[in-house]
Amino acid sequence: MKALLTAITSLSLICATHADEAISLFNGKDLTGWKAEYQKSDQGKDYWSVKDGAITVDTKGDKKHLYVWLVHEKEFADFDLSLKIKELRPAGGNSGIQIRSRYSPHPKGKGMWMNGPQIDIHTPTPYRIGLIYDETFETQHWIHPVKPSWKVNPEDTKHQVVWKKDGWNTLRIKAVGTKIQTWLNGNLVSDYDGEGVLNDEHHKKHHVGMKGHIALQLHARDDLALQFKDITIKEIK
């Protein structure tokens, strides 16, 4: 019996250690494990690439496009994600990190739509970086802070804004159950409990909110030039 308990304890420690190990979602060389999702009207365009060891999105002045996503192939539920972000040039467009999301047919038959919560990245107004917007079709508004639409102002936030215009910035996202926390360069930005939102009927219908894909965003009709690297994730069991 003692030997059995010892074996069980050892196995538990091994599993716990494995669950705590960070894995890389980007190999630093190419987009293996990722897929760029373009609407039909944007087929043939090539905004996503790898440059200087970083995932790079660069529209090179082209604003004639819809939403374009770079989606990771794996699905995650509870996790601790960290990545570094840098402006390649001051283009001023909008981006974001979709989590627990899914790219699926538009509910009204208009191509495809990305459902799920997004951690915003908007360098022209860096107070938005790390706030949470919900792209889910039936939601489509800020959920932290709670706002009725896409509009949010500096006075709606309480965190310290630390964004480096030159050089790399670290964004950390932790999602456990209905709780999502974000940090920008070590400063807490969002501490959100989405009970009743992330697990409501709309999110369940699209199979998002609690589990899904991670994706990088290129916002529709924006000129954007950003880089992402050191993308690591720890799954929380």
C-alpha atoms as a PDB file:
ATOM      1  CA  MET A   1       0.000   0.000   0.000  1.00  0.00           C
ATOM      2  CA  LYS A   2       2.837   2.363   0.916  1.00  0.00           C
ATOM      3  CA  ALA A   3       4.564   1.613  -2.391  1.00  0.00           C
ATOM      4  CA  LEU A   4       1.321   2.309  -4.282  1.00  0.00           C
ATOM      5  CA  LEU A   5       0.845   5.661  -2.541  1.00  0.00           C
ATOM      6  CA  THR A   6       4.454   6.588  -3.287  1.00  0.00           C
ATOM      7  CA  ALA A   7       3.952   5.727  -6.957  1.00  0.00           C
ATOM      8  CA  ILE A   8       0.742   7.775  -7.150  1.00  0.00           C
ATOM      9  CA  THR A   9       2.447  10.754  -5.471  1.00  0.00           C
ATOM     10  CA  SER A  10       5.381  10.538  -7.868  1.00  0.00           C
ATOM     11  CA  LEU A  11       3.059  10.356 -10.872  1.00  0.00           C
ATOM     12  CA  SER A  12       1.092  13.388  -9.603  1.00  0.00           C
ATOM     13  CA  LEU A  13       4.300  15.394  -9.261  1.00  0.00           C
ATOM     14  CA  ILE A  14       5.369  14.427 -12.780  1.00  0.00           C
ATOM     15  CA  CYS A  15       1.975  15.477 -14.227  1.00  0.00           C
ATOM     16  CA  ALA A  16       1.989  18.755 -12.295  1.00  0.00           C
ATOM     17  CA  THR A  17       5.500  19.538 -13.511  1.00  0.00           C
ATOM     18  CA  HIS A  18       4.512  18.768 -17.092  1.00  0.00           C
ATOM     19  CA  ALA A  19       1.442  21.023 -16.836  1.00  0.00           C
ATOM     20  CA  ASP A  20       3.583  23.891 -15.579  1.00  0.00           C
ATOM     21  CA  GLU A  21       6.058  23.712 -18.462  1.00  0.00           C
ATOM     22  CA  ALA A  22       5.869  26.538 -21.000  1.00  0.00           C
ATOM     23  CA  ILE A  23       5.791  25.567 -24.658  1.00  0.00           C
ATOM     24  CA  SER A  24       6.585  27.795 -27.603  1.00  0.00           C
ATOM     25  CA  LEU A  25       3.869  28.541 -30.162  1.00  0.00           C
ATOM     26  CA  PHE A  26       6.341  30.037 -32.660  1.00  0.00           C
ATOM     27  CA  ASN A  27       9.562  28.442 -33.885  1.00  0.00           C
ATOM     28  CA  GLY A  28      11.214  31.731 -34.892  1.00  0.00           C
ATOM     29  CA  LYS A  29      11.673  30.571 -38.489  1.00  0.00           C
ATOM     30  CA  ASP A  30       8.330  30.176 -40.242  1.00  0.00           C
ATOM     31  CA  LEU A  31       4.575  30.054 -39.645  1.00  0.00           C
ATOM     32  CA  THR A  32       4.411  26.339 -38.885  1.00  0.00           C
ATOM     33  CA  GLY A  33       1.387  25.760 -36.638  1.00  0.00           C
ATOM     34  CA  TRP A  34      -0.308  28.966 -37.769  1.00  0.00           C
ATOM     35  CA  LYS A  35      -2.734  29.698 -40.595  1.00  0.00           C
ATOM     36  CA  ALA A  36      -3.568  33.092 -42.115  1.00  0.00           C
ATOM     37  CA  GLU A  37      -7.328  33.410 -42.635  1.00  0.00           C
ATOM     38  CA  TYR A  38      -8.401  35.808 -45.395  1.00  0.00           C
ATOM     39  CA  GLN A  39     -11.902  36.572 -46.621  1.00  0.00           C
ATOM     40  CA  LYS A  40     -12.578  35.710 -50.276  1.00  0.00           C
ATOM     41  CA  SER A  41     -12.082  39.312 -51.397  1.00  0.00           C
ATOM     42  CA  ASP A  42      -8.578  39.326 -49.881  1.00  0.00           C
ATOM     43  CA  GLN A  43      -7.378  36.003 -51.251  1.00  0.00           C
ATOM     44  CA  GLY A  44      -3.907  36.289 -52.746  1.00  0.00           C
ATOM     45  CA  LYS A  45      -2.734  38.978 -50.353  1.00  0.00           C
ATOM     46  CA  ASP A  46       0.212  38.229 -48.098  1.00  0.00           C
ATOM     47  CA  TYR A  47       0.256  40.385 -44.976  1.00  0.00           C
ATOM     48  CA  TRP A  48       1.652  37.790 -42.525  1.00  0.00           C
ATOM     49  CA  SER A  49       5.256  36.560 -42.658  1.00  0.00           C
ATOM     50  CA  VAL A  50       8.344  35.926 -40.539  1.00  0.00           C
ATOM     51  CA  LYS A  51      10.985  38.647 -40.523  1.00  0.00           C
ATOM     52  CA  ASP A  52      14.089  38.847 -38.325  1.00  0.00           C
ATOM     53  CA  GLY A  53      12.885  35.951 -36.178  1.00  0.00           C
ATOM     54  CA  ALA A  54       9.457  37.486 -35.471  1.00  0.00           C
ATOM     55  CA  ILE A  55       5.931  36.994 -36.783  1.00  0.00           C
ATOM     56  CA  THR A  56       5.319  40.124 -38.807  1.00  0.00           C
ATOM     57  CA  VAL A  57       2.128  41.724 -40.041  1.00  0.00           C
ATOM     58  CA  ASP A  58       2.718  44.520 -42.532  1.00  0.00           C
ATOM     59  CA  THR A  59       0.093  45.928 -44.872  1.00  0.00           C
ATOM     60  CA  LYS A  60       2.649  48.337 -46.387  1.00  0.00           C
ATOM     61  CA  GLY A  61       0.127  51.146 -46.673  1.00  0.00           C
ATOM     62  CA  ASP A  62      -2.696  49.004 -48.047  1.00  0.00           C
ATOM     63  CA  LYS A  63      -6.007  49.640 -46.271  1.00  0.00           C
ATOM     64  CA  LYS A  64      -8.215  47.872 -48.816  1.00  0.00           C
ATOM     65  CA  HIS A  65      -8.786  44.686 -46.848  1.00  0.00           C
ATOM     66  CA  LEU A  66     -11.175  43.110 -44.368  1.00  0.00           C
ATOM     67  CA  TYR A  67     -10.240  41.433 -41.071  1.00  0.00           C
ATOM     68  CA  VAL A  68      -7.303  39.081 -41.486  1.00  0.00           C
ATOM     69  CA  TRP A  69      -6.359  36.614 -38.754  1.00  0.00           C
ATOM     70  CA  LEU A  70      -3.322  34.480 -38.041  1.00  0.00           C
ATOM     71  CA  VAL A  71      -4.764  31.508 -36.163  1.00  0.00           C
ATOM     72  CA  HIS A  72      -2.841  28.917 -34.172  1.00  0.00           C
ATOM     73  CA  GLU A  73      -3.876  25.341 -34.886  1.00  0.00           C
ATOM     74  CA  LYS A  74      -4.169  24.196 -31.249  1.00  0.00           C
ATOM     75  CA  GLU A  75      -7.032  24.893 -28.857  1.00  0.00           C
ATOM     76  CA  PHE A  76      -6.515  25.966 -25.260  1.00  0.00           C
ATOM     77  CA  ALA A  77      -8.795  26.314 -22.238  1.00  0.00           C
ATOM     78  CA  ASP A  78      -6.935  27.475 -19.098  1.00  0.00           C
ATOM     79  CA  PHE A  79      -3.489  28.904 -19.715  1.00  0.00           C
ATOM     80  CA  ASP A  80      -0.829  31.534 -19.025  1.00  0.00           C
ATOM     81  CA  LEU A  81       0.327  33.128 -22.301  1.00  0.00           C
ATOM     82  CA  SER A  82       3.249  35.499 -22.786  1.00  0.00           C
ATOM     83  CA  LEU A  83       4.526  37.236 -25.916  1.00  0.00           C
ATOM     84  CA  LYS A  84       6.576  40.237 -26.994  1.00  0.00           C
ATOM     85  CA  ILE A  85       5.255  42.939 -29.343  1.00  0.00           C
ATOM     86  CA  LYS A  86       7.001  45.732 -31.239  1.00  0.00           C
ATOM     87  CA  GLU A  87       5.924  48.398 -33.680  1.00  0.00           C
ATOM     88  CA  LEU A  88       7.726  47.824 -36.961  1.00  0.00           C
ATOM     89  CA  ARG A  89       6.870  51.329 -38.105  1.00  0.00           C
ATOM     90  CA  PRO A  90       4.370  53.946 -36.826  1.00  0.00           C
ATOM     91  CA  ALA A  91       1.487  52.793 -39.033  1.00  0.00           C
ATOM     92  CA  GLY A  92      -1.101  53.304 -36.318  1.00  0.00           C
ATOM     93  CA  GLY A  93      -3.449  50.420 -37.059  1.00  0.00           C
ATOM     94  CA  ASN A  94      -5.325  48.148 -34.662  1.00  0.00           C
ATOM     95  CA  SER A  95      -4.490  44.581 -33.671  1.00  0.00           C
ATOM     96  CA  GLY A  96      -5.280  42.176 -30.857  1.00  0.00           C
ATOM     97  CA  ILE A  97      -4.864  38.694 -29.431  1.00  0.00           C
ATOM     98  CA  GLN A  98      -7.918  36.485 -29.733  1.00  0.00           C
ATOM     99  CA  ILE A  99      -8.141  33.799 -27.042  1.00  0.00           C
ATOM    100  CA  ARG A 100     -10.546  30.865 -26.689  1.00  0.00           C
ATOM    101  CA  SER A 101     -11.885  31.840 -30.096  1.00  0.00           C
ATOM    102  CA  ARG A 102     -13.118  30.220 -33.285  1.00  0.00           C
ATOM    103  CA  TYR A 103     -13.174  31.321 -36.931  1.00  0.00           C
ATOM    104  CA  SER A 104     -16.481  30.136 -38.327  1.00  0.00           C
ATOM    105  CA  PRO A 105     -19.160  31.036 -40.893  1.00  0.00           C
ATOM    106  CA  HIS A 106     -20.766  34.444 -40.378  1.00  0.00           C
ATOM    107  CA  PRO A 107     -24.233  33.992 -38.781  1.00  0.00           C
ATOM    108  CA  LYS A 108     -25.762  36.038 -41.597  1.00  0.00           C
ATOM    109  CA  GLY A 109     -23.891  34.322 -44.393  1.00  0.00           C
ATOM    110  CA  LYS A 110     -21.375  37.136 -44.960  1.00  0.00           C
ATOM    111  CA  GLY A 111     -18.187  35.128 -45.248  1.00  0.00           C
ATOM    112  CA  MET A 112     -16.449  34.201 -42.005  1.00  0.00           C
ATOM    113  CA  TRP A 113     -16.370  35.686 -38.491  1.00  0.00           C
ATOM    114  CA  MET A 114     -14.027  35.383 -35.506  1.00  0.00           C
ATOM    115  CA  ASN A 115     -16.013  34.701 -32.343  1.00  0.00           C
ATOM    116  CA  GLY A 116     -14.466  35.010 -28.887  1.00  0.00           C
ATOM    117  CA  PRO A 117     -12.743  37.478 -26.528  1.00  0.00           C
ATOM    118  CA  GLN A 118      -9.865  39.663 -27.702  1.00  0.00           C
ATOM    119  CA  ILE A 119      -7.047  41.352 -25.806  1.00  0.00           C
ATOM    120  CA  ASP A 120      -6.728  44.680 -27.591  1.00  0.00           C
ATOM    121  CA  ILE A 121      -3.532  46.124 -29.087  1.00  0.00           C
ATOM    122  CA  HIS A 122      -3.979  49.689 -30.288  1.00  0.00           C
ATOM    123  CA  THR A 123      -0.663  51.542 -30.302  1.00  0.00           C
ATOM    124  CA  PRO A 124      -2.019  55.024 -31.171  1.00  0.00           C
ATOM    125  CA  THR A 125      -3.954  54.944 -27.858  1.00  0.00           C
ATOM    126  CA  PRO A 126      -1.860  52.602 -25.672  1.00  0.00           C
ATOM    127  CA  TYR A 127      -4.249  52.849 -22.706  1.00  0.00           C
ATOM    128  CA  ARG A 128      -6.328  50.306 -24.669  1.00  0.00           C
ATOM    129  CA  ILE A 129      -3.567  47.692 -24.836  1.00  0.00           C
ATOM    130  CA  GLY A 130      -4.555  44.818 -22.559  1.00  0.00           C
ATOM    131  CA  LEU A 131      -8.239  45.749 -22.302  1.00  0.00           C
ATOM    132  CA  ILE A 132     -10.735  43.071 -23.348  1.00  0.00           C
ATOM    133  CA  TYR A 133     -13.135  43.364 -26.283  1.00  0.00           C
ATOM    134  CA  ASP A 134     -15.512  40.529 -27.184  1.00  0.00           C
ATOM    135  CA  GLU A 135     -15.714  39.828 -30.921  1.00  0.00           C
ATOM    136  CA  THR A 136     -18.470  37.228 -30.453  1.00  0.00           C
ATOM    137  CA  PHE A 137     -21.137  38.090 -33.029  1.00  0.00           C
ATOM    138  CA  GLU A 138     -23.962  38.678 -30.535  1.00  0.00           C
ATOM    139  CA  THR A 139     -21.723  40.653 -28.139  1.00  0.00           C
ATOM    140  CA  GLN A 140     -19.265  42.949 -29.984  1.00  0.00           C
ATOM    141  CA  HIS A 141     -18.451  45.417 -27.211  1.00  0.00           C
ATOM    142  CA  TRP A 142     -15.880  46.006 -24.484  1.00  0.00           C
ATOM    143  CA  ILE A 143     -16.275  43.590 -21.586  1.00  0.00           C
ATOM    144  CA  HIS A 144     -13.420  45.028 -19.515  1.00  0.00           C
ATOM    145  CA  PRO A 145     -14.198  47.775 -18.898  1.00  0.00           C
ATOM    146  CA  VAL A 146     -17.845  47.136 -19.708  1.00  0.00           C
ATOM    147  CA  LYS A 147     -18.914  49.526 -22.475  1.00  0.00           C
ATOM    148  CA  PRO A 148     -21.868  49.268 -24.880  1.00  0.00           C
ATOM    149  CA  SER A 149     -19.805  49.499 -28.091  1.00  0.00           C
ATOM    150  CA  TRP A 150     -16.221  49.796 -29.413  1.00  0.00           C
ATOM    151  CA  LYS A 151     -15.763  53.233 -27.845  1.00  0.00           C
ATOM    152  CA  VAL A 152     -13.587  53.481 -24.725  1.00  0.00           C
ATOM    153  CA  ASN A 153     -11.805  56.479 -23.172  1.00  0.00           C
ATOM    154  CA  PRO A 154      -8.765  56.880 -20.880  1.00  0.00           C
ATOM    155  CA  GLU A 155     -11.033  57.846 -17.978  1.00  0.00           C
ATOM    156  CA  ASP A 156     -12.750  54.440 -18.280  1.00  0.00           C
ATOM    157  CA  THR A 157      -9.521  52.738 -17.183  1.00  0.00           C
ATOM    158  CA  LYS A 158      -7.519  52.766 -13.947  1.00  0.00           C
ATOM    159  CA  HIS A 159      -4.254  51.060 -14.813  1.00  0.00           C
ATOM    160  CA  GLN A 160      -0.818  52.523 -15.363  1.00  0.00           C
ATOM    161  CA  VAL A 161       0.019  52.737 -19.065  1.00  0.00           C
ATOM    162  CA  VAL A 162       3.562  51.612 -19.890  1.00  0.00           C
ATOM    163  CA  TRP A 163       4.084  51.136 -23.635  1.00  0.00           C
ATOM    164  CA  LYS A 164       7.453  51.522 -25.345  1.00  0.00           C
ATOM    165  CA  LYS A 165       7.124  53.029 -28.816  1.00  0.00           C
ATOM    166  CA  ASP A 166      10.652  51.865 -29.621  1.00  0.00           C
ATOM    167  CA  GLY A 167      11.588  48.327 -28.644  1.00  0.00           C
ATOM    168  CA  TRP A 168       9.814  45.226 -27.391  1.00  0.00           C
ATOM    169  CA  ASN A 169       6.866  45.149 -25.000  1.00  0.00           C
ATOM    170  CA  THR A 170       5.721  42.100 -23.034  1.00  0.00           C
ATOM    171  CA  LEU A 171       2.034  41.199 -22.920  1.00  0.00           C
ATOM    172  CA  ARG A 172       0.904  38.451 -20.548  1.00  0.00           C
ATOM    173  CA  ILE A 173      -2.571  36.890 -20.606  1.00  0.00           C
ATOM    174  CA  LYS A 174      -3.823  34.455 -17.983  1.00  0.00           C
ATOM    175  CA  ALA A 175      -7.177  32.719 -18.401  1.00  0.00           C
ATOM    176  CA  VAL A 176      -8.537  30.364 -15.742  1.00  0.00           C
ATOM    177  CA  GLY A 177     -12.209  29.449 -15.769  1.00  0.00           C
ATOM    178  CA  THR A 178     -14.208  32.624 -16.395  1.00  0.00           C
ATOM    179  CA  LYS A 179     -11.391  34.857 -15.152  1.00  0.00           C
ATOM    180  CA  ILE A 180      -9.033  36.690 -17.527  1.00  0.00           C
ATOM    181  CA  GLN A 181      -6.083  38.795 -16.359  1.00  0.00           C
ATOM    182  CA  THR A 182      -3.679  40.788 -18.512  1.00  0.00           C
ATOM    183  CA  TRP A 183      -0.394  42.557 -17.833  1.00  0.00           C
ATOM    184  CA  LEU A 184       1.551  44.956 -20.053  1.00  0.00           C
ATOM    185  CA  ASN A 185       5.256  45.170 -19.218  1.00  0.00           C
ATOM    186  CA  GLY A 186       4.500  43.775 -15.774  1.00  0.00           C
ATOM    187  CA  ASN A 187       1.665  46.199 -14.985  1.00  0.00           C
ATOM    188  CA  LEU A 188      -1.813  44.753 -14.363  1.00  0.00           C
ATOM    189  CA  VAL A 189      -4.267  46.063 -16.954  1.00  0.00           C
ATOM    190  CA  SER A 190      -7.351  43.815 -16.734  1.00  0.00           C
ATOM    191  CA  ASP A 191      -8.657  41.651 -13.916  1.00  0.00           C
ATOM    192  CA  TYR A 192     -11.962  40.397 -15.266  1.00  0.00           C
ATOM    193  CA  ASP A 193     -14.415  37.712 -14.211  1.00  0.00           C
ATOM    194  CA  GLY A 194     -16.632  36.817 -17.157  1.00  0.00           C
ATOM    195  CA  GLU A 195     -19.075  34.592 -15.307  1.00  0.00           C
ATOM    196  CA  GLY A 196     -22.397  34.895 -17.142  1.00  0.00           C
ATOM    197  CA  VAL A 197     -20.680  36.344 -20.230  1.00  0.00           C
ATOM    198  CA  LEU A 198     -17.938  34.006 -21.410  1.00  0.00           C
ATOM    199  CA  ASN A 199     -20.157  31.026 -20.631  1.00  0.00           C
ATOM    200  CA  ASP A 200     -23.512  32.439 -21.769  1.00  0.00           C
ATOM    201  CA  GLU A 201     -25.737  30.931 -24.490  1.00  0.00           C
ATOM    202  CA  HIS A 202     -24.106  32.910 -27.313  1.00  0.00           C
ATOM    203  CA  HIS A 203     -20.572  31.842 -26.442  1.00  0.00           C
ATOM    204  CA  LYS A 204     -21.713  28.257 -25.968  1.00  0.00           C
ATOM    205  CA  LYS A 205     -23.412  28.336 -29.370  1.00  0.00           C
ATOM    206  CA  HIS A 206     -20.132  29.301 -31.048  1.00  0.00           C
ATOM    207  CA  HIS A 207     -18.050  27.010 -28.775  1.00  0.00           C
ATOM    208  CA  VAL A 208     -15.920  29.929 -27.566  1.00  0.00           C
ATOM    209  CA  GLY A 209     -15.248  31.864 -24.379  1.00  0.00           C
ATOM    210  CA  MET A 210     -14.010  28.929 -22.314  1.00  0.00           C
ATOM    211  CA  LYS A 211     -11.908  27.078 -24.893  1.00  0.00           C
ATOM    212  CA  GLY A 212     -10.702  27.754 -28.405  1.00  0.00           C
ATOM    213  CA  HIS A 213      -7.906  29.073 -30.579  1.00  0.00           C
ATOM    214  CA  ILE A 214      -5.386  31.861 -30.142  1.00  0.00           C
ATOM    215  CA  ALA A 215      -5.206  34.284 -33.074  1.00  0.00           C
ATOM    216  CA  LEU A 216      -3.428  37.508 -33.999  1.00  0.00           C
ATOM    217  CA  GLN A 217      -5.536  40.243 -35.577  1.00  0.00           C
ATOM    218  CA  LEU A 218      -5.195  42.613 -38.481  1.00  0.00           C
ATOM    219  CA  HIS A 219      -8.167  44.975 -38.186  1.00  0.00           C
ATOM    220  CA  ALA A 220     -10.208  45.706 -41.296  1.00  0.00           C
ATOM    221  CA  ARG A 221      -9.212  48.764 -43.343  1.00  0.00           C
ATOM    222  CA  ASP A 222      -6.133  49.511 -41.202  1.00  0.00           C
ATOM    223  CA  ASP A 223      -2.513  50.032 -42.194  1.00  0.00           C
ATOM    224  CA  LEU A 224      -0.587  47.968 -39.652  1.00  0.00           C
ATOM    225  CA  ALA A 225       3.042  47.015 -39.033  1.00  0.00           C
ATOM    226  CA  LEU A 226       3.712  44.952 -35.896  1.00  0.00           C
ATOM    227  CA  GLN A 227       5.979  42.122 -34.861  1.00  0.00           C
ATOM    228  CA  PHE A 228       5.391  39.293 -32.364  1.00  0.00           C
ATOM    229  CA  LYS A 229       7.956  36.928 -30.867  1.00  0.00           C
ATOM    230  CA  ASP A 230       8.752  34.761 -27.810  1.00  0.00           C
ATOM    231  CA  ILE A 231       5.183  33.425 -27.833  1.00  0.00           C
ATOM    232  CA  THR A 232       5.017  30.881 -24.996  1.00  0.00           C
ATOM    233  CA  ILE A 233       2.120  29.271 -23.183  1.00  0.00           C
ATOM    234  CA  LYS A 234       1.674  27.233 -20.021  1.00  0.00           C
ATOM    235  CA  GLU A 235      -1.461  25.112 -19.929  1.00  0.00           C
ATOM    236  CA  ILE A 236      -3.092  25.128 -16.508  1.00  0.00           C
ATOM    237  CA  LYS A 237      -4.609  21.776 -15.629  1.00  0.00           C
END
